[in-house]
Protein backbone atom coordinates (compact mmCIF):
# COMPACT_ATOMS: atom_id res chain seq x y z
CA MET A 1 8.77 -170.78 25.03
CA MET A 2 10.10 -169.19 21.84
CA LEU A 3 12.42 -171.16 19.63
CA SER A 4 15.38 -169.24 18.19
CA LEU A 5 15.66 -169.65 14.45
CA PRO A 6 19.06 -170.48 12.98
CA ILE A 7 20.88 -167.53 11.47
CA ALA A 8 21.16 -167.75 7.68
CA SER A 9 24.76 -168.12 6.59
CA VAL A 10 26.88 -167.81 3.45
CA GLN A 11 30.13 -169.65 2.78
CA LEU A 12 33.26 -167.49 2.53
CA THR A 13 34.14 -169.29 -0.69
CA GLU A 14 30.79 -168.30 -2.19
CA VAL A 15 31.43 -164.64 -1.36
CA ALA A 16 34.90 -164.76 -2.88
CA GLN A 17 33.57 -166.41 -6.04
CA GLU A 18 30.63 -164.04 -6.46
CA LEU A 19 32.73 -160.90 -6.00
CA SER A 20 35.86 -162.26 -7.76
CA VAL A 21 38.15 -161.56 -4.83
CA SER A 22 40.46 -163.76 -2.78
CA LEU A 23 39.51 -165.45 0.49
CA ALA A 24 42.11 -163.25 2.18
CA THR A 25 40.16 -160.17 1.07
CA VAL A 26 36.92 -161.59 2.49
CA ARG A 27 38.66 -162.35 5.79
CA ASN A 28 40.02 -158.79 5.87
CA TRP A 29 36.46 -157.48 5.48
CA ILE A 30 35.50 -159.62 8.46
CA LYS A 31 38.46 -158.38 10.48
CA THR A 32 37.60 -154.75 9.81
CA GLY A 33 33.95 -155.29 10.78
CA LYS A 34 32.42 -154.82 7.35
CA ILE A 35 30.74 -158.25 7.43
CA VAL A 36 30.00 -160.55 10.36
CA ALA A 37 31.51 -164.02 10.69
CA LEU A 38 29.51 -166.92 12.13
CA SER A 39 32.37 -169.41 11.95
CA SER A 40 35.76 -169.78 10.31
CA SER A 41 34.06 -170.63 7.01
CA THR A 42 30.71 -168.79 7.07
CA ILE A 43 29.35 -165.29 7.44
CA ASP A 44 25.98 -163.90 8.46
CA ALA A 45 23.83 -163.66 5.32
CA THR A 46 22.07 -160.49 6.50
CA SER A 47 25.35 -158.66 7.03
CA TYR A 48 26.49 -159.79 3.58
CA VAL A 49 23.35 -158.48 1.89
CA ASP A 50 23.80 -155.16 3.71
CA PHE A 51 27.48 -155.09 2.72
CA LYS A 52 26.66 -155.54 -0.98
CA LYS A 53 23.91 -152.95 -0.83
CA ASN A 54 25.57 -150.21 1.18
CA THR A 55 29.34 -150.71 1.12
CA ILE A 56 30.59 -152.20 -2.16
CA GLY A 57 31.49 -149.45 -4.55
CA THR A 58 31.36 -146.70 -1.92
CA GLN A 59 34.90 -147.20 -0.61
CA LYS A 60 38.13 -147.46 -2.54
CA LEU A 61 38.96 -150.75 -0.85
CA ASN A 62 35.87 -152.45 -2.21
CA LYS A 63 35.48 -150.91 -5.65
CA ARG A 64 37.58 -153.65 -7.17
CA ALA A 65 34.94 -156.27 -6.24
CA ASN A 66 32.18 -154.27 -7.92
CA LYS A 67 33.92 -154.30 -11.31
CA THR A 68 32.70 -157.83 -12.01
CA GLN A 69 29.16 -156.57 -12.59
CA THR A 70 30.34 -154.44 -15.55
CA GLN A 71 32.58 -157.32 -16.61
CA VAL A 72 29.64 -159.72 -16.95
CA ALA A 73 27.59 -157.23 -18.96
CA GLN A 74 30.46 -156.52 -21.34
CA GLN A 75 31.17 -160.20 -21.94
CA LEU A 76 27.50 -160.99 -22.57
CA SER A 77 27.42 -158.18 -25.12
CA LEU A 78 30.52 -159.59 -26.78
CA VAL A 79 29.07 -163.12 -26.92
CA THR A 80 25.93 -161.72 -28.58
CA HIS A 81 28.14 -159.90 -31.09
CA LEU A 82 29.97 -163.12 -31.88
CA ALA A 83 26.74 -165.08 -32.26
CA ILE A 84 25.24 -162.51 -34.65
CA GLU A 85 28.31 -161.68 -36.71
CA SER A 86 29.90 -165.16 -36.53
CA ILE A 87 32.87 -165.56 -38.82
CA SER A 88 32.22 -162.28 -40.63
CA ALA A 89 33.10 -160.23 -37.53
CA ASN A 90 36.49 -158.54 -37.54
CA GLY A 91 38.54 -160.94 -35.41
CA ASP A 92 41.25 -158.46 -34.43
CA GLU A 93 38.66 -155.91 -33.31
CA LEU A 94 36.84 -158.57 -31.30
CA SER A 95 40.12 -159.62 -29.70
CA LEU A 96 40.83 -156.06 -28.61
CA LEU A 97 37.24 -155.58 -27.43
CA TYR A 98 37.38 -158.78 -25.41
CA GLU A 99 40.69 -157.86 -23.81
CA GLN A 100 39.32 -154.45 -22.87
CA SER A 101 36.23 -156.13 -21.37
CA LEU A 102 38.39 -157.96 -18.84
CA SER A 103 38.36 -155.82 -15.71
CA ASN A 104 41.54 -155.25 -13.71
CA THR A 105 40.08 -157.49 -11.01
CA ILE A 106 39.56 -160.41 -13.40
CA GLN A 107 43.03 -159.92 -14.86
CA ASN A 108 44.65 -159.86 -11.43
CA VAL A 109 42.73 -162.84 -10.06
CA LYS A 110 43.13 -165.04 -13.14
CA GLY A 111 46.50 -163.70 -14.23
CA ILE A 112 45.24 -162.89 -17.73
CA TYR A 113 47.40 -160.40 -19.64
CA TYR A 114 47.20 -160.87 -23.42
CA THR A 115 50.51 -160.49 -25.21
CA PRO A 116 50.92 -157.31 -27.31
CA LEU A 117 51.44 -158.13 -30.98
CA HIS A 118 54.82 -156.37 -31.17
CA ILE A 119 56.15 -158.65 -28.41
CA VAL A 120 54.82 -161.74 -30.19
CA ALA A 121 56.54 -160.70 -33.41
CA ASP A 122 59.80 -159.89 -31.63
CA MET A 123 59.93 -163.25 -29.82
CA PHE A 124 59.62 -165.07 -33.15
CA THR A 125 62.51 -163.07 -34.60
CA HIS A 126 64.78 -164.46 -31.87
CA LEU A 127 64.21 -168.10 -32.81
CA PRO A 128 67.11 -169.72 -34.70
CA VAL A 129 66.74 -168.92 -38.41
CA ASP A 130 66.70 -172.57 -39.43
CA SER A 131 64.04 -173.61 -36.90
CA ILE A 132 60.96 -172.83 -39.02
CA ASN A 133 59.81 -174.53 -42.20
CA ALA A 134 56.57 -175.89 -43.66
CA TYR A 135 56.79 -179.00 -41.47
CA THR A 136 57.40 -177.20 -38.17
CA THR A 137 54.77 -177.91 -35.52
CA PHE A 138 53.76 -175.16 -33.08
CA CYS A 139 51.66 -174.99 -29.91
CA ASP A 140 50.45 -172.32 -27.51
CA PRO A 141 48.84 -174.19 -24.56
CA CYS A 142 47.12 -171.07 -23.18
CA CYS A 143 46.49 -169.16 -26.39
CA GLY A 144 43.80 -166.67 -25.33
CA THR A 145 42.47 -164.92 -28.43
CA GLY A 146 45.32 -166.25 -30.57
CA ASN A 147 48.12 -163.68 -30.82
CA PHE A 148 50.90 -166.29 -30.74
CA LEU A 149 48.96 -168.49 -33.18
CA LEU A 150 48.82 -165.64 -35.71
CA GLY A 151 52.48 -164.90 -35.00
CA ALA A 152 53.29 -168.49 -35.94
CA VAL A 153 51.48 -168.01 -39.25
CA ASP A 154 53.43 -164.79 -39.93
CA ALA A 155 56.66 -166.63 -39.11
CA GLY A 156 55.96 -169.11 -41.90
CA ILE A 157 54.54 -172.12 -40.09
CA SER A 158 51.83 -174.00 -41.99
CA PRO A 159 48.35 -173.31 -40.50
CA GLY A 160 47.64 -177.03 -40.28
CA LYS A 161 50.68 -177.47 -38.02
CA ILE A 162 49.58 -174.88 -35.45
CA SER A 163 47.69 -175.80 -32.27
CA GLY A 164 46.24 -173.67 -29.50
CA PHE A 165 44.39 -174.45 -26.27
CA ASP A 166 42.63 -172.32 -23.67
CA ILE A 167 40.00 -172.81 -20.96
CA ASP A 168 38.07 -169.68 -22.00
CA PRO A 169 35.46 -170.63 -24.66
CA GLN A 170 34.91 -167.02 -25.70
CA ALA A 171 38.62 -166.42 -26.22
CA ILE A 172 38.85 -169.65 -28.26
CA GLN A 173 35.92 -168.59 -30.43
CA ILE A 174 37.69 -165.32 -31.18
CA ALA A 175 40.99 -167.13 -31.85
CA GLN A 176 39.30 -169.50 -34.32
CA ASN A 177 37.66 -166.53 -36.03
CA ARG A 178 40.93 -164.60 -36.37
CA PHE A 179 42.83 -167.67 -37.55
CA PHE A 180 40.25 -168.38 -40.27
CA GLN A 181 40.22 -164.78 -41.43
CA LYS A 182 44.01 -164.77 -41.73
CA THR A 183 44.51 -168.21 -43.31
CA GLY A 184 41.18 -169.30 -44.78
CA TYR A 185 41.63 -172.49 -42.75
CA PHE A 186 39.24 -173.42 -39.95
CA SER A 187 41.58 -175.24 -37.62
CA PRO A 188 40.38 -178.21 -35.55
CA ASN A 189 43.60 -177.78 -33.53
CA ILE A 190 42.38 -174.61 -31.76
CA GLN A 191 40.37 -176.05 -28.92
CA CYS A 192 38.74 -175.13 -25.63
CA VAL A 193 40.80 -177.45 -23.45
CA ASP A 194 42.25 -177.26 -19.96
CA SER A 195 45.71 -178.18 -21.18
CA VAL A 196 47.12 -178.61 -17.67
CA LYS A 197 44.37 -181.05 -16.71
CA ALA A 198 44.33 -182.82 -20.06
CA TYR A 199 48.03 -183.17 -20.76
CA LEU A 200 50.07 -182.60 -17.60
CA LEU A 201 47.74 -184.20 -15.06
CA LYS A 202 47.20 -187.29 -17.23
CA ASN A 203 50.68 -187.14 -18.70
CA THR A 204 49.22 -187.64 -22.17
CA PRO A 205 50.14 -184.73 -24.45
CA PRO A 206 48.41 -184.92 -27.87
CA GLN A 207 51.83 -184.78 -29.47
CA ASN A 208 55.21 -183.16 -28.98
CA TYR A 209 55.83 -179.93 -30.85
CA ASP A 210 58.89 -178.41 -32.50
CA ILE A 211 58.10 -175.01 -30.98
CA VAL A 212 56.05 -174.15 -27.90
CA MET A 213 55.57 -170.47 -27.18
CA THR A 214 53.17 -168.84 -24.75
CA ASN A 215 52.39 -166.18 -22.17
CA PRO A 216 51.05 -168.26 -19.25
CA PRO A 217 48.72 -166.93 -16.54
CA TRP A 218 50.60 -164.90 -13.95
CA GLY A 219 49.95 -165.62 -10.29
CA LYS A 220 48.91 -168.28 -7.79
CA ASN A 221 45.11 -168.33 -7.93
CA PRO A 222 44.45 -170.13 -11.24
CA ILE A 223 46.27 -173.33 -10.28
CA LYS A 224 44.86 -174.37 -6.91
CA PRO A 225 43.36 -177.66 -8.21
CA TYR A 226 46.75 -178.72 -9.58
CA THR A 227 49.22 -177.96 -6.82
CA THR A 228 49.76 -181.71 -6.35
CA LEU A 229 51.43 -181.76 -9.77
CA LEU A 230 54.32 -179.74 -8.39
CA PRO A 231 56.98 -181.15 -6.10
CA SER A 232 56.66 -180.18 -2.46
CA LYS A 233 58.43 -176.97 -1.39
CA ILE A 234 57.88 -175.45 -4.86
CA LEU A 235 55.96 -172.18 -5.01
CA PRO A 236 52.40 -172.94 -6.24
CA ASP A 237 52.47 -170.42 -9.05
CA ALA A 238 50.77 -170.72 -12.44
CA CYS A 239 53.97 -169.72 -14.26
CA ILE A 240 55.81 -172.69 -12.76
CA LEU A 241 52.97 -175.08 -13.55
CA PHE A 242 52.79 -173.93 -17.18
CA THR A 243 56.57 -174.14 -17.52
CA GLU A 244 56.32 -177.81 -16.57
CA LEU A 245 53.46 -178.23 -19.03
CA CYS A 246 55.43 -176.60 -21.84
CA LEU A 247 58.48 -178.76 -21.17
CA SER A 248 56.23 -181.81 -21.50
CA LEU A 249 54.87 -180.54 -24.84
CA VAL A 250 58.10 -179.54 -26.59
CA LYS A 251 60.13 -182.11 -28.51
CA GLN A 252 63.61 -183.12 -27.51
CA GLU A 253 65.86 -180.40 -28.94
CA GLY A 254 62.72 -178.37 -29.72
CA LEU A 255 62.34 -174.69 -28.81
CA LEU A 256 60.45 -173.15 -25.90
CA GLY A 257 59.59 -169.46 -25.53
CA LEU A 258 57.90 -168.05 -22.42
CA LEU A 259 56.80 -164.50 -21.57
CA LEU A 260 56.85 -164.15 -17.79
CA PRO A 261 56.79 -161.61 -14.93
CA ASP A 262 60.17 -160.34 -13.78
CA ALA A 263 59.78 -162.08 -10.40
CA TYR A 264 60.24 -165.40 -12.20
CA PHE A 265 63.79 -164.38 -13.07
CA ASN A 266 65.01 -162.92 -9.79
CA ILE A 267 62.86 -163.75 -6.75
CA ALA A 268 64.06 -166.47 -4.36
CA SER A 269 60.72 -168.30 -4.50
CA PHE A 270 61.32 -169.16 -8.17
CA GLN A 271 64.80 -170.60 -7.65
CA SER A 272 63.68 -174.19 -8.23
CA ILE A 273 62.27 -173.51 -11.70
CA ARG A 274 65.30 -171.42 -12.69
CA THR A 275 67.53 -174.31 -11.63
CA ARG A 276 65.42 -176.63 -13.82
CA LEU A 277 65.69 -174.35 -16.84
CA LEU A 278 69.45 -174.11 -16.37
CA THR A 279 69.64 -177.82 -17.20
CA LYS A 280 68.58 -176.81 -20.73
CA LYS A 281 70.42 -174.76 -23.33
CA LEU A 282 69.46 -171.09 -22.91
CA LEU A 283 69.40 -169.08 -26.13
CA VAL A 284 67.92 -165.61 -25.48
CA LEU A 285 66.72 -163.52 -22.51
CA LEU A 286 64.61 -160.44 -23.29
CA ASP A 287 63.19 -157.54 -21.27
CA TYR A 288 60.03 -155.86 -22.61
CA GLY A 289 59.59 -153.31 -19.82
CA LYS A 290 56.05 -152.76 -18.49
CA PRO A 291 53.68 -153.42 -21.41
CA PHE A 292 50.56 -154.11 -19.33
CA LYS A 293 48.52 -151.10 -18.21
CA GLY A 294 48.19 -150.85 -14.44
CA LEU A 295 50.70 -153.63 -13.77
CA GLN A 296 54.02 -152.76 -12.13
CA ALA A 297 55.69 -156.05 -13.00
CA ARG A 298 58.04 -156.08 -15.96
CA ALA A 299 57.46 -158.61 -18.74
CA GLU A 300 60.54 -160.67 -19.60
CA ALA A 301 61.01 -163.61 -21.93
CA ILE A 302 63.20 -166.67 -22.13
CA ILE A 303 63.87 -168.75 -25.23
CA LEU A 304 65.63 -172.07 -24.78
CA GLN A 305 66.31 -175.35 -26.51
CA ASN A 306 65.02 -178.51 -24.84
CA LYS A 307 68.45 -180.04 -24.94
CA ALA A 308 70.31 -181.64 -22.05
CA LEU A 309 73.06 -179.35 -20.83
CA GLN A 310 76.61 -180.40 -21.53
CA LYS A 311 79.72 -179.05 -19.83
CA ALA A 312 80.72 -177.27 -23.02
CA THR A 313 77.30 -175.58 -23.17
CA LEU A 314 78.03 -173.73 -19.95
CA GLU A 315 80.76 -171.83 -21.78
CA GLU A 316 78.40 -170.92 -24.62
CA THR A 317 76.83 -167.50 -24.48
CA VAL A 318 73.24 -166.44 -23.96
CA THR A 319 72.02 -163.39 -25.87
CA CYS A 320 70.67 -160.82 -23.40
CA ILE A 321 68.62 -157.85 -24.61
CA TRP A 322 67.21 -155.02 -22.47
CA GLU A 323 66.46 -151.32 -22.99
CA LYS A 324 67.96 -151.35 -26.49
CA GLN A 325 71.16 -152.88 -25.15
CA LYS A 326 72.50 -156.26 -26.15
CA THR A 327 75.22 -158.34 -24.57
CA ASN A 328 76.30 -161.94 -24.30
CA ARG A 329 76.68 -163.86 -21.05
CA LYS A 330 78.01 -167.32 -20.39
CA GLN A 331 75.29 -169.66 -19.21
CA GLN A 332 77.64 -170.66 -16.40
CA SER A 333 77.38 -167.13 -14.98
CA PHE A 334 73.73 -167.65 -14.02
CA LEU A 335 74.58 -170.84 -12.17
CA GLU A 336 77.08 -168.83 -10.13
CA GLN A 337 74.50 -166.27 -9.01
CA PRO A 338 72.89 -166.42 -5.57
CA GLU A 339 69.72 -168.53 -5.95
CA HIS A 340 70.48 -168.89 -9.69
CA ILE A 341 69.13 -165.44 -10.43
CA PHE A 342 68.83 -164.59 -14.13
CA ASN A 343 70.36 -161.12 -13.78
CA PHE A 344 70.70 -160.69 -17.51
CA HIS A 345 70.59 -156.88 -17.43
CA ILE A 346 74.31 -156.53 -16.80
CA THR A 347 77.30 -156.94 -19.08
CA GLN A 348 79.92 -159.62 -18.75
CA GLN A 349 82.32 -156.96 -17.34
CA GLU A 350 79.78 -156.08 -14.63
CA GLU A 351 79.27 -159.77 -13.93
CA ASP A 352 83.04 -160.20 -13.51
CA ALA A 353 83.11 -157.28 -11.05
CA LEU A 354 80.09 -158.66 -9.17
CA GLN A 355 81.64 -162.10 -8.80
CA HIS A 356 84.90 -160.49 -7.69
CA VAL A 357 83.31 -158.54 -4.83
CA LEU A 358 81.21 -161.54 -3.79
CA SER A 359 84.36 -163.62 -3.56
CA LYS A 360 85.51 -161.46 -0.64
CA PRO A 361 84.49 -162.51 2.90
CA TYR A 362 81.21 -160.96 3.97
CA GLU A 363 78.29 -161.37 6.35
CA THR A 364 74.58 -160.92 5.62
CA LEU A 365 71.51 -159.85 7.61
CA LYS A 366 70.03 -163.36 7.52
CA ASN A 367 69.18 -164.53 11.07
CA LYS A 368 70.66 -161.35 12.51
CA ALA A 369 67.66 -159.02 12.56
CA ALA A 370 64.00 -158.82 13.56
CA TRP A 371 61.87 -157.72 10.63
CA GLY A 372 58.64 -155.77 10.62
CA MET A 373 56.15 -154.66 7.99
CA GLY A 374 54.39 -151.35 7.69
CA ILE A 375 50.76 -151.04 8.76
CA VAL A 376 47.96 -151.98 6.38
CA THR A 377 44.88 -150.27 7.78
CA GLY A 378 42.49 -151.76 5.22
CA ASP A 379 40.86 -148.37 4.82
CA ASN A 380 43.15 -145.32 4.90
CA GLN A 381 40.18 -143.05 4.30
CA GLN A 382 38.83 -144.10 7.69
CA TYR A 383 42.03 -144.53 9.69
CA VAL A 384 44.48 -141.98 8.24
CA SER A 385 44.13 -138.18 8.16
CA SER A 386 46.27 -135.31 6.92
CA ILE A 387 45.19 -133.31 9.98
CA GLN A 388 46.06 -134.12 13.59
CA THR A 389 42.93 -134.21 15.76
CA GLU A 390 41.74 -135.86 18.98
CA ASP A 391 40.95 -139.00 16.94
CA TYR A 392 44.01 -138.96 14.66
CA THR A 393 46.86 -138.65 17.10
CA ILE A 394 49.84 -140.71 15.87
CA PRO A 395 52.20 -139.29 13.21
CA VAL A 396 52.63 -141.95 10.53
CA TYR A 397 55.14 -142.10 7.67
CA LYS A 398 55.16 -143.53 4.16
CA GLY A 399 57.83 -145.07 1.98
CA ALA A 400 58.03 -141.81 0.01
CA ASP A 401 59.11 -140.05 3.23
CA ILE A 402 62.31 -142.13 3.34
CA LYS A 403 65.06 -140.10 1.66
CA GLN A 404 68.81 -140.60 1.58
CA GLN A 405 69.01 -137.58 3.87
CA GLY A 406 66.69 -139.25 6.41
CA LEU A 407 62.97 -139.19 7.15
CA ILE A 408 61.34 -136.15 5.57
CA ALA A 409 57.53 -135.99 5.61
CA LEU A 410 56.47 -133.16 3.31
CA ASN A 411 52.81 -134.02 3.86
CA GLN A 412 52.59 -135.40 7.40
CA GLN A 413 49.76 -137.85 8.03
CA PHE A 414 48.21 -139.03 11.27
CA LEU A 415 46.89 -142.41 12.34
CA LYS A 416 43.83 -143.30 14.37
CA PRO A 417 45.17 -145.64 17.10
CA GLN A 418 42.78 -148.54 16.47
CA PHE A 419 45.44 -151.18 15.86
CA GLN A 420 43.11 -154.10 16.52
CA GLN A 421 41.03 -153.04 13.50
CA PHE A 422 43.92 -152.94 11.03
CA GLN A 423 44.42 -155.65 8.44
CA GLN A 424 48.14 -155.95 9.08
CA VAL A 425 50.20 -154.62 11.95
CA ALA A 426 53.50 -155.79 13.39
CA PRO A 427 53.89 -156.28 17.16
CA LEU A 428 53.89 -152.80 18.69
CA HIS A 429 57.20 -153.32 20.48
CA LEU A 430 58.92 -153.51 17.07
CA TYR A 431 57.65 -150.07 16.04
CA GLN A 432 58.68 -148.77 19.47
CA ALA A 433 62.22 -150.16 19.41
CA PRO A 434 64.89 -147.60 20.42
CA LYS A 435 66.42 -147.87 16.93
CA LYS A 436 65.19 -149.41 13.73
CA ILE A 437 66.27 -149.14 10.10
CA VAL A 438 63.37 -148.41 7.75
CA TYR A 439 63.28 -148.76 3.98
CA ARG A 440 61.01 -148.18 1.03
CA PHE A 441 59.16 -151.34 0.06
CA ILE A 442 57.91 -150.33 -3.40
CA SER A 443 61.03 -149.04 -5.10
CA ASP A 444 63.50 -149.97 -7.80
CA SER A 445 66.37 -148.58 -5.70
CA LEU A 446 67.49 -148.81 -2.09
CA ARG A 447 66.31 -146.06 0.26
CA PHE A 448 67.03 -146.54 3.97
CA ALA A 449 66.79 -144.28 7.02
CA LEU A 450 67.51 -144.61 10.72
CA ASP A 451 64.54 -144.12 13.05
CA ASP A 452 65.38 -143.50 16.69
CA GLN A 453 62.05 -141.85 17.62
CA GLN A 454 59.76 -144.93 17.65
CA ARG A 455 57.81 -143.82 14.59
CA PHE A 456 54.99 -145.75 12.89
CA PHE A 457 54.94 -146.52 9.17
CA LEU A 458 52.35 -147.48 6.57
CA ASN A 459 52.82 -150.51 4.34
CA SER A 460 54.90 -148.70 1.70
CA ALA A 461 57.73 -148.91 4.24
CA ASN A 462 59.18 -151.90 6.11
CA PHE A 463 61.96 -152.09 8.70
CA PHE A 464 64.40 -154.26 10.60
CA ILE A 465 66.06 -154.17 14.01
CA LEU A 466 69.53 -155.62 14.41
CA GLU A 467 69.48 -158.40 16.99
CA LYS A 468 73.09 -159.52 16.76
CA ASN A 469 75.98 -157.14 17.17
CA LEU A 470 77.81 -156.99 13.85
CA GLY A 471 80.13 -154.26 15.02
CA ILE A 472 78.66 -151.78 12.55
CA LYS A 473 77.26 -148.45 13.72
CA ASP A 474 73.60 -148.06 12.73
CA ALA A 475 74.26 -144.78 10.90
CA ILE A 476 77.17 -146.35 8.97
CA LEU A 477 74.98 -149.31 7.94
CA VAL A 478 72.31 -146.92 6.65
CA HIS A 479 74.85 -144.97 4.57
CA TYR A 480 76.30 -148.23 3.25
CA LEU A 481 72.88 -149.58 2.20
CA ASN A 482 72.11 -146.26 0.47
CA SER A 483 75.46 -146.17 -1.30
CA ARG A 484 75.85 -146.14 -5.07
CA PHE A 485 77.76 -149.42 -4.81
CA MET A 486 74.98 -151.23 -2.92
CA ASN A 487 72.35 -149.87 -5.27
CA TRP A 488 74.38 -151.29 -8.16
CA VAL A 489 74.67 -154.67 -6.42
CA PHE A 490 70.94 -154.72 -5.69
CA LYS A 491 69.94 -153.81 -9.23
CA SER A 492 72.51 -156.18 -10.72
CA LEU A 493 71.05 -159.08 -8.79
CA TYR A 494 67.34 -158.35 -8.57
CA ARG A 495 66.14 -155.50 -10.81
CA THR A 496 62.74 -155.45 -9.16
CA HIS A 497 60.17 -152.86 -8.14
CA LYS A 498 59.90 -154.38 -4.67
CA VAL A 499 62.56 -154.41 -1.96
CA LEU A 500 62.01 -157.79 -0.33
CA ARG A 501 63.33 -159.10 2.95
CA LYS A 502 64.70 -162.26 1.31
CA ASP A 503 66.71 -160.13 -1.11
CA LEU A 504 68.05 -157.83 1.59
CA GLU A 505 69.13 -160.87 3.60
CA GLN A 506 71.40 -161.87 0.71
CA LEU A 507 73.24 -158.56 0.32
CA PRO A 508 76.92 -158.56 1.31
CA LEU A 509 78.12 -156.73 4.43
CA PHE A 510 81.91 -156.39 4.28
CA LEU A 511 82.69 -156.32 7.99
CA ASP A 512 86.45 -155.93 7.45
CA PHE A 513 85.67 -152.52 5.96
CA LEU A 514 82.51 -151.47 7.82
CA THR A 515 83.52 -152.20 11.41
CA ASP A 516 86.42 -149.75 11.14
CA CYS A 517 84.26 -146.93 9.77
CA THR A 518 83.53 -143.87 11.86
CA VAL A 519 82.42 -141.92 8.78
CA PHE A 520 81.24 -143.72 5.65
CA ASP A 521 83.46 -143.04 2.63
CA GLU A 522 82.16 -144.41 -0.68
CA GLN A 523 85.47 -143.98 -2.50
CA ALA A 524 87.29 -145.83 0.26
CA LEU A 525 84.80 -148.71 -0.19
CA HIS A 526 85.52 -148.85 -3.92
CA HIS A 527 89.24 -148.92 -3.20
CA TYR A 528 88.79 -151.74 -0.67
CA LEU A 529 86.82 -153.79 -3.20
CA ASP A 530 89.26 -153.06 -6.05
CA ILE A 531 86.52 -151.73 -8.34
CA THR A 532 85.97 -148.49 -10.19
CA GLU A 533 82.72 -146.64 -10.84
CA GLN A 534 81.71 -145.84 -14.42
CA PRO A 535 79.88 -142.70 -15.61
CA ASP A 536 76.67 -144.72 -16.04
CA GLY A 537 76.69 -145.82 -12.38
CA THR A 538 77.94 -149.35 -13.02
CA PHE A 539 81.20 -150.85 -11.75
CA ARG A 540 84.18 -152.65 -13.28
CA LEU A 541 87.28 -154.33 -11.95
CA LYS A 542 90.18 -151.89 -11.63
CA ARG A 543 92.64 -154.27 -13.20
CA THR A 544 90.59 -154.28 -16.42
CA TYR A 545 91.95 -150.81 -17.10
CA SER A 546 95.50 -151.22 -15.84
């Protein structure tokens, strides 16, 4: 009788760690048949070896995992350079070299995006003029290769009063090198330390600082060991964790500056941390556009004083700067926004008009629609074709096909009907609903269309189906959501490159106006809302000009 040998297995976590990808990515590879699962936590070792040998790097989906091999070689070369050249190496060149050595995969997984020097310098210029002197203490708790530390020196802070921490020993070595070259002072305060673990987890900061300024890691992955530090129901995001850390490091009435992704300022998931910051005195909000190559998120900054908010402070103004424009907004205005959104890209006149229209009775889509997401095949090269054949039979549409005039596919694509193999697919009955309203998902403006032909869509488009009768004709609702007014409302509130369900569920539907419409009239809507459109596409209250 032959005994069957146990099949060699590999843990999913080991695969994710080796290839520097998320567990979700590994599970998607399993789902699409690229590797074979033995259990919920293990895969067949033979299939994994074959996958690494024959698949990684050959398909677009998997190329991102292969970048780590180059990453390791580049970093080893850099470490050798540091060891040979030591303190004589050009620190700024090494910093740039090290940043360039970080692959897109490593940056995305760890949330590492080093702050450009012009942004560092600009953030320092927005600190109160009397906040810096020879005795000012400064800290960057995730300093990377030291850009904010050098910015503190340039701002006039004594080198001996500057501290920096980071978990990356190579980045710290470069930061120490650059700091010494600039100041002639080898600082013992620039240390390889997990500042979250050392100071937030143990609640024992080394000291409190007059100024804390940093660009924390962006994203969820870096903070998994520390999610217990955050209150329940709070999004486990590194930006939130480091905000809490920074607030524990800054002195009472000290200054805090943070460079953050735009989602932090306007996505519902970050409401709790915005509410917390609104208990402090906000000084400046800044928009730096998209400074990071290959990253769609905008970089925005907040500077505040760690000072308990008083009633009078709510009437004080916050300086708001974006796209070479500058305006002042009352801090109170952000507390009045839905979900305490920091929509600092509008003027006080626009804010007055926005609050006016939101004071009128309206309904929303929340709990009134079934929502569906576009299909993620996991491998468009395999499942999508530009030619209709016996295998590729289903016409499929993209977000770019959604125009204000309707669905227009200039380059029609076709889908292989293997839905069980796809990474993400909504229940088929949703795609096949008699009517559904589809919209672009990746977009900085609203683009909706009515689909009454049971079409299928890829993941650049999402959709909803009205479940409760609001008394609005589907075609009228589409025109309304595409209107210049609604685009202004959306951008005034969210200013994001993604059109999210949670945001759409907050948008106002003025039933008193819409239920009577047989043909949508934008000017009639403006008249109903008592607003007037400006040449730049913004809106003001009519009475402002009477």
